[in-house]
Amino acid sequence: MHQRLLAADDLDGDALVAMAAAAGLDTGRFVADLDSPAVADRVDADLRSARNSGADGTPTFFLDGHRIDGSLVDIIAAVERSLAAPTGPKGR
């Protein structure tokens, strides 16, 4: 579905439902979710959370409550530092 969305020129409701069907999704549930105020509220909350945390693209990585910028090498190094810390990663 992700690749279909990125390649699409048209993202109206009918096009989205057709993509969902092509991806093998339950189109009845898909349509219900598209029209659901609860789902819209969840998406809005996720967007606010991303903006508030400084996530401005995907993927964005966070470790121990801090955004990690940089390459995969930088991310791996941050994880290794966190694991090597005397108390281990936060929350464990």
PDB file of N, CA and C in Angstrom:
ATOM      1  N   MET A   1       0.830  -1.188   0.000  1.00  0.00           N
ATOM      2  CA  MET A   1       0.000   0.000   0.000  1.00  0.00           C
ATOM      3  C   MET A   1       0.875   1.252   0.000  1.00  0.00           C
ATOM      4  N   HIS A   2       1.948   1.204   0.766  1.00  0.00           N
ATOM      5  CA  HIS A   2       2.855   2.349   0.860  1.00  0.00           C
ATOM      6  C   HIS A   2       3.374   2.755  -0.516  1.00  0.00           C
ATOM      7  N   GLN A   3       3.839   1.785  -1.284  1.00  0.00           N
ATOM      8  CA  GLN A   3       4.371   2.086  -2.616  1.00  0.00           C
ATOM      9  C   GLN A   3       3.283   2.635  -3.535  1.00  0.00           C
ATOM     10  N   ARG A   4       2.087   2.091  -3.425  1.00  0.00           N
ATOM     11  CA  ARG A   4       0.976   2.583  -4.249  1.00  0.00           C
ATOM     12  C   ARG A   4       0.668   4.042  -3.912  1.00  0.00           C
ATOM     13  N   LEU A   5       0.671   4.369  -2.629  1.00  0.00           N
ATOM     14  CA  LEU A   5       0.385   5.744  -2.219  1.00  0.00           C
ATOM     15  C   LEU A   5       1.448   6.705  -2.739  1.00  0.00           C
ATOM     16  N   LEU A   6       2.703   6.299  -2.640  1.00  0.00           N
ATOM     17  CA  LEU A   6       3.780   7.171  -3.105  1.00  0.00           C
ATOM     18  C   LEU A   6       3.748   7.375  -4.613  1.00  0.00           C
ATOM     19  N   ALA A   7       3.310   6.365  -5.338  1.00  0.00           N
ATOM     20  CA  ALA A   7       3.297   6.443  -6.802  1.00  0.00           C
ATOM     21  C   ALA A   7       2.026   7.088  -7.355  1.00  0.00           C
ATOM     22  N   ALA A   8       1.031   7.289  -6.516  1.00  0.00           N
ATOM     23  CA  ALA A   8      -0.278   7.749  -6.989  1.00  0.00           C
ATOM     24  C   ALA A   8      -0.274   9.223  -7.371  1.00  0.00           C
ATOM     25  N   ASP A   9      -1.003   9.515  -8.441  1.00  0.00           N
ATOM     26  CA  ASP A   9      -1.246  10.902  -8.833  1.00  0.00           C
ATOM     27  C   ASP A   9      -2.546  11.409  -8.228  1.00  0.00           C
ATOM     28  N   ASP A  10      -3.431  10.483  -7.899  1.00  0.00           N
ATOM     29  CA  ASP A  10      -4.764  10.832  -7.422  1.00  0.00           C
ATOM     30  C   ASP A  10      -5.010  10.129  -6.095  1.00  0.00           C
ATOM     31  N   LEU A  11      -5.329  10.893  -5.075  1.00  0.00           N
ATOM     32  CA  LEU A  11      -5.580  10.300  -3.765  1.00  0.00           C
ATOM     33  C   LEU A  11      -6.989  10.614  -3.265  1.00  0.00           C
ATOM     34  N   ASP A  12      -7.958  10.676  -4.191  1.00  0.00           N
ATOM     35  CA  ASP A  12      -9.331  10.877  -3.735  1.00  0.00           C
ATOM     36  C   ASP A  12      -9.851   9.570  -3.142  1.00  0.00           C
ATOM     37  N   GLY A  13     -11.039   9.621  -2.573  1.00  0.00           N
ATOM     38  CA  GLY A  13     -11.595   8.462  -1.881  1.00  0.00           C
ATOM     39  C   GLY A  13     -11.673   7.215  -2.733  1.00  0.00           C
ATOM     40  N   ASP A  14     -12.151   7.350  -3.973  1.00  0.00           N
ATOM     41  CA  ASP A  14     -12.274   6.180  -4.849  1.00  0.00           C
ATOM     42  C   ASP A  14     -10.910   5.568  -5.155  1.00  0.00           C
ATOM     43  N   ALA A  15      -9.928   6.422  -5.391  1.00  0.00           N
ATOM     44  CA  ALA A  15      -8.583   5.917  -5.683  1.00  0.00           C
ATOM     45  C   ALA A  15      -8.005   5.200  -4.468  1.00  0.00           C
ATOM     46  N   LEU A  16      -8.231   5.756  -3.280  1.00  0.00           N
ATOM     47  CA  LEU A  16      -7.729   5.114  -2.062  1.00  0.00           C
ATOM     48  C   LEU A  16      -8.377   3.749  -1.846  1.00  0.00           C
ATOM     49  N   VAL A  17      -9.674   3.672  -2.072  1.00  0.00           N
ATOM     50  CA  VAL A  17     -10.375   2.394  -1.899  1.00  0.00           C
ATOM     51  C   VAL A  17      -9.869   1.377  -2.919  1.00  0.00           C
ATOM     52  N   ALA A  18      -9.639   1.806  -4.149  1.00  0.00           N
ATOM     53  CA  ALA A  18      -9.107   0.898  -5.171  1.00  0.00           C
ATOM     54  C   ALA A  18      -7.723   0.391  -4.770  1.00  0.00           C
ATOM     55  N   MET A  19      -6.892   1.270  -4.226  1.00  0.00           N
ATOM     56  CA  MET A  19      -5.561   0.848  -3.769  1.00  0.00           C
ATOM     57  C   MET A  19      -5.671  -0.129  -2.608  1.00  0.00           C
ATOM     58  N   ALA A  20      -6.595   0.138  -1.705  1.00  0.00           N
ATOM     59  CA  ALA A  20      -6.794  -0.761  -0.566  1.00  0.00           C
ATOM     60  C   ALA A  20      -7.228  -2.138  -1.051  1.00  0.00           C
ATOM     61  N   ALA A  21      -8.137  -2.170  -2.014  1.00  0.00           N
ATOM     62  CA  ALA A  21      -8.597  -3.449  -2.564  1.00  0.00           C
ATOM     63  C   ALA A  21      -7.443  -4.182  -3.240  1.00  0.00           C
ATOM     64  N   ALA A  22      -6.643  -3.450  -4.016  1.00  0.00           N
ATOM     65  CA  ALA A  22      -5.503  -4.067  -4.708  1.00  0.00           C
ATOM     66  C   ALA A  22      -4.478  -4.611  -3.720  1.00  0.00           C
ATOM     67  N   ALA A  23      -4.405  -3.998  -2.539  1.00  0.00           N
ATOM     68  CA  ALA A  23      -3.463  -4.458  -1.514  1.00  0.00           C
ATOM     69  C   ALA A  23      -4.047  -5.586  -0.670  1.00  0.00           C
ATOM     70  N   GLY A  24      -5.303  -5.950  -0.942  1.00  0.00           N
ATOM     71  CA  GLY A  24      -5.925  -7.048  -0.215  1.00  0.00           C
ATOM     72  C   GLY A  24      -6.528  -6.650   1.120  1.00  0.00           C
ATOM     73  N   LEU A  25      -6.722  -5.355   1.334  1.00  0.00           N
ATOM     74  CA  LEU A  25      -7.313  -4.905   2.589  1.00  0.00           C
ATOM     75  C   LEU A  25      -8.824  -5.112   2.588  1.00  0.00           C
ATOM     76  N   ASP A  26      -9.394  -5.147   3.758  1.00  0.00           N
ATOM     77  CA  ASP A  26     -10.843  -5.220   3.926  1.00  0.00           C
ATOM     78  C   ASP A  26     -11.392  -3.839   3.575  1.00  0.00           C
ATOM     79  N   THR A  27     -11.966  -3.703   2.382  1.00  0.00           N
ATOM     80  CA  THR A  27     -12.388  -2.379   1.922  1.00  0.00           C
ATOM     81  C   THR A  27     -13.555  -1.825   2.729  1.00  0.00           C
ATOM     82  N   GLY A  28     -14.405  -2.688   3.259  1.00  0.00           N
ATOM     83  CA  GLY A  28     -15.490  -2.202   4.113  1.00  0.00           C
ATOM     84  C   GLY A  28     -14.945  -1.504   5.344  1.00  0.00           C
ATOM     85  N   ARG A  29     -13.986  -2.136   5.982  1.00  0.00           N
ATOM     86  CA  ARG A  29     -13.366  -1.519   7.164  1.00  0.00           C
ATOM     87  C   ARG A  29     -12.572  -0.278   6.763  1.00  0.00           C
ATOM     88  N   PHE A  30     -11.894  -0.356   5.623  1.00  0.00           N
ATOM     89  CA  PHE A  30     -11.105   0.777   5.146  1.00  0.00           C
ATOM     90  C   PHE A  30     -11.991   2.006   4.962  1.00  0.00           C
ATOM     91  N   VAL A  31     -13.127   1.827   4.295  1.00  0.00           N
ATOM     92  CA  VAL A  31     -14.055   2.942   4.068  1.00  0.00           C
ATOM     93  C   VAL A  31     -14.600   3.455   5.400  1.00  0.00           C
ATOM     94  N   ALA A  32     -14.949   2.536   6.290  1.00  0.00           N
ATOM     95  CA  ALA A  32     -15.454   2.947   7.603  1.00  0.00           C
ATOM     96  C   ALA A  32     -14.402   3.757   8.357  1.00  0.00           C
ATOM     97  N   ASP A  33     -13.145   3.325   8.281  1.00  0.00           N
ATOM     98  CA  ASP A  33     -12.069   4.056   8.960  1.00  0.00           C
ATOM     99  C   ASP A  33     -11.832   5.425   8.326  1.00  0.00           C
ATOM    100  N   LEU A  34     -11.952   5.510   6.998  1.00  0.00           N
ATOM    101  CA  LEU A  34     -11.796   6.807   6.329  1.00  0.00           C
ATOM    102  C   LEU A  34     -12.836   7.811   6.816  1.00  0.00           C
ATOM    103  N   ASP A  35     -14.025   7.317   7.127  1.00  0.00           N
ATOM    104  CA  ASP A  35     -15.126   8.186   7.547  1.00  0.00           C
ATOM    105  C   ASP A  35     -15.250   8.321   9.062  1.00  0.00           C
ATOM    106  N   SER A  36     -14.377   7.675   9.806  1.00  0.00           N
ATOM    107  CA  SER A  36     -14.504   7.621  11.261  1.00  0.00           C
ATOM    108  C   SER A  36     -13.919   8.856  11.948  1.00  0.00           C
ATOM    109  N   PRO A  37     -14.732   9.574  12.728  1.00  0.00           N
ATOM    110  CA  PRO A  37     -14.188  10.689  13.511  1.00  0.00           C
ATOM    111  C   PRO A  37     -13.123  10.228  14.511  1.00  0.00           C
ATOM    112  N   ALA A  38     -13.285   9.035  15.061  1.00  0.00           N
ATOM    113  CA  ALA A  38     -12.296   8.527  16.020  1.00  0.00           C
ATOM    114  C   ALA A  38     -10.944   8.306  15.344  1.00  0.00           C
ATOM    115  N   VAL A  39     -10.963   7.773  14.128  1.00  0.00           N
ATOM    116  CA  VAL A  39      -9.710   7.562  13.394  1.00  0.00           C
ATOM    117  C   VAL A  39      -9.098   8.916  13.024  1.00  0.00           C
ATOM    118  N   ALA A  40      -9.921   9.855  12.590  1.00  0.00           N
ATOM    119  CA  ALA A  40      -9.420  11.195  12.257  1.00  0.00           C
ATOM    120  C   ALA A  40      -8.792  11.853  13.486  1.00  0.00           C
ATOM    121  N   ASP A  41      -9.424  11.694  14.643  1.00  0.00           N
ATOM    122  CA  ASP A  41      -8.869  12.255  15.879  1.00  0.00           C
ATOM    123  C   ASP A  41      -7.520  11.624  16.204  1.00  0.00           C
ATOM    124  N   ARG A  42      -7.402  10.315  15.988  1.00  0.00           N
ATOM    125  CA  ARG A  42      -6.141   9.619  16.265  1.00  0.00           C
ATOM    126  C   ARG A  42      -5.030  10.117  15.341  1.00  0.00           C
ATOM    127  N   VAL A  43      -5.360  10.285  14.063  1.00  0.00           N
ATOM    128  CA  VAL A  43      -4.372  10.791  13.103  1.00  0.00           C
ATOM    129  C   VAL A  43      -3.949  12.209  13.489  1.00  0.00           C
ATOM    130  N   ASP A  44      -4.913  13.051  13.847  1.00  0.00           N
ATOM    131  CA  ASP A  44      -4.588  14.417  14.274  1.00  0.00           C
ATOM    132  C   ASP A  44      -3.689  14.411  15.509  1.00  0.00           C
ATOM    133  N   ALA A  45      -3.983  13.538  16.461  1.00  0.00           N
ATOM    134  CA  ALA A  45      -3.160  13.442  17.673  1.00  0.00           C
ATOM    135  C   ALA A  45      -1.742  12.992  17.329  1.00  0.00           C
ATOM    136  N   ASP A  46      -1.620  12.033  16.418  1.00  0.00           N
ATOM    137  CA  ASP A  46      -0.295  11.573  16.000  1.00  0.00           C
ATOM    138  C   ASP A  46       0.485  12.691  15.315  1.00  0.00           C
ATOM    139  N   LEU A  47      -0.194  13.467  14.473  1.00  0.00           N
ATOM    140  CA  LEU A  47       0.471  14.591  13.800  1.00  0.00           C
ATOM    141  C   LEU A  47       0.939  15.637  14.806  1.00  0.00           C
ATOM    142  N   ARG A  48       0.089  15.965  15.776  1.00  0.00           N
ATOM    143  CA  ARG A  48       0.482  16.928  16.815  1.00  0.00           C
ATOM    144  C   ARG A  48       1.680  16.409  17.604  1.00  0.00           C
ATOM    145  N   SER A  49       1.645  15.139  17.954  1.00  0.00           N
ATOM    146  CA  SER A  49       2.747  14.545  18.704  1.00  0.00           C
ATOM    147  C   SER A  49       4.048  14.617  17.907  1.00  0.00           C
ATOM    148  N   ALA A  50       3.967  14.309  16.629  1.00  0.00           N
ATOM    149  CA  ALA A  50       5.164  14.363  15.779  1.00  0.00           C
ATOM    150  C   ALA A  50       5.708  15.782  15.710  1.00  0.00           C
ATOM    151  N   ARG A  51       4.831  16.733  15.487  1.00  0.00           N
ATOM    152  CA  ARG A  51       5.278  18.136  15.408  1.00  0.00           C
ATOM    153  C   ARG A  51       5.880  18.597  16.728  1.00  0.00           C
ATOM    154  N   ASN A  52       5.224  18.244  17.831  1.00  0.00           N
ATOM    155  CA  ASN A  52       5.709  18.663  19.150  1.00  0.00           C
ATOM    156  C   ASN A  52       7.055  18.044  19.499  1.00  0.00           C
ATOM    157  N   SER A  53       7.329  16.869  18.969  1.00  0.00           N
ATOM    158  CA  SER A  53       8.585  16.195  19.289  1.00  0.00           C
ATOM    159  C   SER A  53       9.702  16.531  18.311  1.00  0.00           C
ATOM    160  N   GLY A  54       9.377  17.299  17.286  1.00  0.00           N
ATOM    161  CA  GLY A  54      10.399  17.692  16.322  1.00  0.00           C
ATOM    162  C   GLY A  54      10.550  16.747  15.153  1.00  0.00           C
ATOM    163  N   ALA A  55       9.682  15.763  15.045  1.00  0.00           N
ATOM    164  CA  ALA A  55       9.739  14.859  13.896  1.00  0.00           C
ATOM    165  C   ALA A  55       9.223  15.617  12.681  1.00  0.00           C
ATOM    166  N   ASP A  56      10.071  15.744  11.681  1.00  0.00           N
ATOM    167  CA  ASP A  56       9.670  16.499  10.498  1.00  0.00           C
ATOM    168  C   ASP A  56       9.769  15.669   9.226  1.00  0.00           C
ATOM    169  N   GLY A  57       9.897  14.380   9.387  1.00  0.00           N
ATOM    170  CA  GLY A  57       9.958  13.477   8.245  1.00  0.00           C
ATOM    171  C   GLY A  57       9.987  12.046   8.733  1.00  0.00           C
ATOM    172  N   THR A  58       9.978  11.136   7.789  1.00  0.00           N
ATOM    173  CA  THR A  58      10.061   9.731   8.150  1.00  0.00           C
ATOM    174  C   THR A  58      11.241   9.105   7.442  1.00  0.00           C
ATOM    175  N   PRO A  59      11.910   8.190   8.052  1.00  0.00           N
ATOM    176  CA  PRO A  59      11.703   7.838   9.457  1.00  0.00           C
ATOM    177  C   PRO A  59      12.384   8.846  10.377  1.00  0.00           C
ATOM    178  N   THR A  60      11.866   8.978  11.570  1.00  0.00           N
ATOM    179  CA  THR A  60      12.488   9.764  12.630  1.00  0.00           C
ATOM    180  C   THR A  60      12.682   8.822  13.809  1.00  0.00           C
ATOM    181  N   PHE A  61      13.874   8.800  14.349  1.00  0.00           N
ATOM    182  CA  PHE A  61      14.193   7.880  15.433  1.00  0.00           C
ATOM    183  C   PHE A  61      14.364   8.628  16.739  1.00  0.00           C
ATOM    184  N   PHE A  62      13.818   8.035  17.796  1.00  0.00           N
ATOM    185  CA  PHE A  62      13.962   8.570  19.147  1.00  0.00           C
ATOM    186  C   PHE A  62      14.541   7.476  20.025  1.00  0.00           C
ATOM    187  N   LEU A  63      15.420   7.872  20.917  1.00  0.00           N
ATOM    188  CA  LEU A  63      16.009   6.937  21.867  1.00  0.00           C
ATOM    189  C   LEU A  63      16.115   7.644  23.203  1.00  0.00           C
ATOM    190  N   ASP A  64      15.589   7.022  24.220  1.00  0.00           N
ATOM    191  CA  ASP A  64      15.616   7.601  25.566  1.00  0.00           C
ATOM    192  C   ASP A  64      15.032   9.011  25.578  1.00  0.00           C
ATOM    193  N   GLY A  65      14.009   9.234  24.766  1.00  0.00           N
ATOM    194  CA  GLY A  65      13.325  10.519  24.748  1.00  0.00           C
ATOM    195  C   GLY A  65      13.987  11.598  23.915  1.00  0.00           C
ATOM    196  N   HIS A  66      15.027  11.252  23.177  1.00  0.00           N
ATOM    197  CA  HIS A  66      15.745  12.235  22.362  1.00  0.00           C
ATOM    198  C   HIS A  66      15.733  11.808  20.898  1.00  0.00           C
ATOM    199  N   ARG A  67      15.499  12.791  20.029  1.00  0.00           N
ATOM    200  CA  ARG A  67      15.544  12.506  18.599  1.00  0.00           C
ATOM    201  C   ARG A  67      16.994  12.277  18.191  1.00  0.00           C
ATOM    202  N   ILE A  68      17.200  11.280  17.354  1.00  0.00           N
ATOM    203  CA  ILE A  68      18.535  10.972  16.847  1.00  0.00           C
ATOM    204  C   ILE A  68      18.596  11.424  15.395  1.00  0.00           C
ATOM    205  N   ASP A  69      19.474  12.359  15.127  1.00  0.00           N
ATOM    206  CA  ASP A  69      19.685  12.824  13.762  1.00  0.00           C
ATOM    207  C   ASP A  69      20.952  12.187  13.227  1.00  0.00           C
ATOM    208  N   GLY A  70      20.966  11.931  11.958  1.00  0.00           N
ATOM    209  CA  GLY A  70      22.177  11.414  11.350  1.00  0.00           C
ATOM    210  C   GLY A  70      21.933  10.133  10.589  1.00  0.00           C
ATOM    211  N   SER A  71      23.020   9.490  10.316  1.00  0.00           N
ATOM    212  CA  SER A  71      23.005   8.279   9.498  1.00  0.00           C
ATOM    213  C   SER A  71      22.679   7.053  10.345  1.00  0.00           C
ATOM    214  N   LEU A  72      22.563   5.936   9.676  1.00  0.00           N
ATOM    215  CA  LEU A  72      22.355   4.672  10.378  1.00  0.00           C
ATOM    216  C   LEU A  72      23.505   4.400  11.343  1.00  0.00           C
ATOM    217  N   VAL A  73      24.700   4.767  10.963  1.00  0.00           N
ATOM    218  CA  VAL A  73      25.866   4.594  11.839  1.00  0.00           C
ATOM    219  C   VAL A  73      25.676   5.399  13.125  1.00  0.00           C
ATOM    220  N   ASP A  74      25.154   6.624  12.998  1.00  0.00           N
ATOM    221  CA  ASP A  74      24.898   7.462  14.174  1.00  0.00           C
ATOM    222  C   ASP A  74      23.828   6.842  15.072  1.00  0.00           C
ATOM    223  N   ILE A  75      22.808   6.283  14.459  1.00  0.00           N
ATOM    224  CA  ILE A  75      21.727   5.659  15.230  1.00  0.00           C
ATOM    225  C   ILE A  75      22.256   4.442  15.984  1.00  0.00           C
ATOM    226  N   ILE A  76      23.022   3.615  15.302  1.00  0.00           N
ATOM    227  CA  ILE A  76      23.594   2.423  15.944  1.00  0.00           C
ATOM    228  C   ILE A  76      24.504   2.831  17.098  1.00  0.00           C
ATOM    229  N   ALA A  77      25.311   3.854  16.890  1.00  0.00           N
ATOM    230  CA  ALA A  77      26.214   4.319  17.950  1.00  0.00           C
ATOM    231  C   ALA A  77      25.417   4.809  19.157  1.00  0.00           C
ATOM    232  N   ALA A  78      24.322   5.520  18.917  1.00  0.00           N
ATOM    233  CA  ALA A  78      23.495   6.008  20.025  1.00  0.00           C
ATOM    234  C   ALA A  78      22.874   4.847  20.792  1.00  0.00           C
ATOM    235  N   VAL A  79      22.413   3.832  20.085  1.00  0.00           N
ATOM    236  CA  VAL A  79      21.841   2.654  20.745  1.00  0.00           C
ATOM    237  C   VAL A  79      22.914   1.953  21.570  1.00  0.00           C
ATOM    238  N   GLU A  80      24.082   1.801  21.004  1.00  0.00           N
ATOM    239  CA  GLU A  80      25.170   1.135  21.737  1.00  0.00           C
ATOM    240  C   GLU A  80      25.560   1.925  22.982  1.00  0.00           C
ATOM    241  N   ARG A  81      25.610   3.262  22.877  1.00  0.00           N
ATOM    242  CA  ARG A  81      25.917   4.083  24.059  1.00  0.00           C
ATOM    243  C   ARG A  81      24.846   3.909  25.127  1.00  0.00           C
ATOM    244  N   SER A  82      23.602   3.884  24.695  1.00  0.00           N
ATOM    245  CA  SER A  82      22.502   3.735  25.648  1.00  0.00           C
ATOM    246  C   SER A  82      22.567   2.381  26.351  1.00  0.00           C
ATOM    247  N   LEU A  83      22.835   1.343  25.585  1.00  0.00           N
ATOM    248  CA  LEU A  83      22.911   0.007  26.174  1.00  0.00           C
ATOM    249  C   LEU A  83      24.100  -0.139  27.117  1.00  0.00           C
ATOM    250  N   ALA A  84      25.169   0.592  26.833  1.00  0.00           N
ATOM    251  CA  ALA A  84      26.374   0.499  27.658  1.00  0.00           C
ATOM    252  C   ALA A  84      26.307   1.386  28.898  1.00  0.00           C
ATOM    253  N   ALA A  85      25.330   2.276  28.962  1.00  0.00           N
ATOM    254  CA  ALA A  85      25.215   3.171  30.118  1.00  0.00           C
ATOM    255  C   ALA A  85      25.000   2.344  31.382  1.00  0.00           C
ATOM    256  N   PRO A  86      25.512   2.824  32.518  1.00  0.00           N
ATOM    257  CA  PRO A  86      25.407   2.054  33.764  1.00  0.00           C
ATOM    258  C   PRO A  86      23.976   1.633  34.114  1.00  0.00           C
ATOM    259  N   THR A  87      23.008   2.453  33.788  1.00  0.00           N
ATOM    260  CA  THR A  87      21.621   2.113  34.116  1.00  0.00           C
ATOM    261  C   THR A  87      20.890   1.486  32.944  1.00  0.00           C
ATOM    262  N   GLY A  88      21.545   1.358  31.796  1.00  0.00           N
ATOM    263  CA  GLY A  88      20.892   0.817  30.608  1.00  0.00           C
ATOM    264  C   GLY A  88      19.927   1.823  30.027  1.00  0.00           C
ATOM    265  N   PRO A  89      19.189   1.420  29.010  1.00  0.00           N
ATOM    266  CA  PRO A  89      18.233   2.333  28.390  1.00  0.00           C
ATOM    267  C   PRO A  89      17.172   2.773  29.387  1.00  0.00           C
ATOM    268  N   LYS A  90      16.703   3.999  29.235  1.00  0.00           N
ATOM    269  CA  LYS A  90      15.618   4.498  30.082  1.00  0.00           C
ATOM    270  C   LYS A  90      14.411   3.593  29.954  1.00  0.00           C
ATOM    271  N   GLY A  91      13.687   3.459  31.030  1.00  0.00           N
ATOM    272  CA  GLY A  91      12.450   2.702  30.996  1.00  0.00           C
ATOM    273  C   GLY A  91      12.629   1.210  31.163  1.00  0.00           C
ATOM    274  N   ARG A  92      13.845   0.757  31.347  1.00  0.00           N
ATOM    275  CA  ARG A  92      14.055  -0.691  31.518  1.00  0.00           C
ATOM    276  C   ARG A  92      14.340  -1.012  32.950  1.00  0.00           C
TER     277      ARG A  92
END
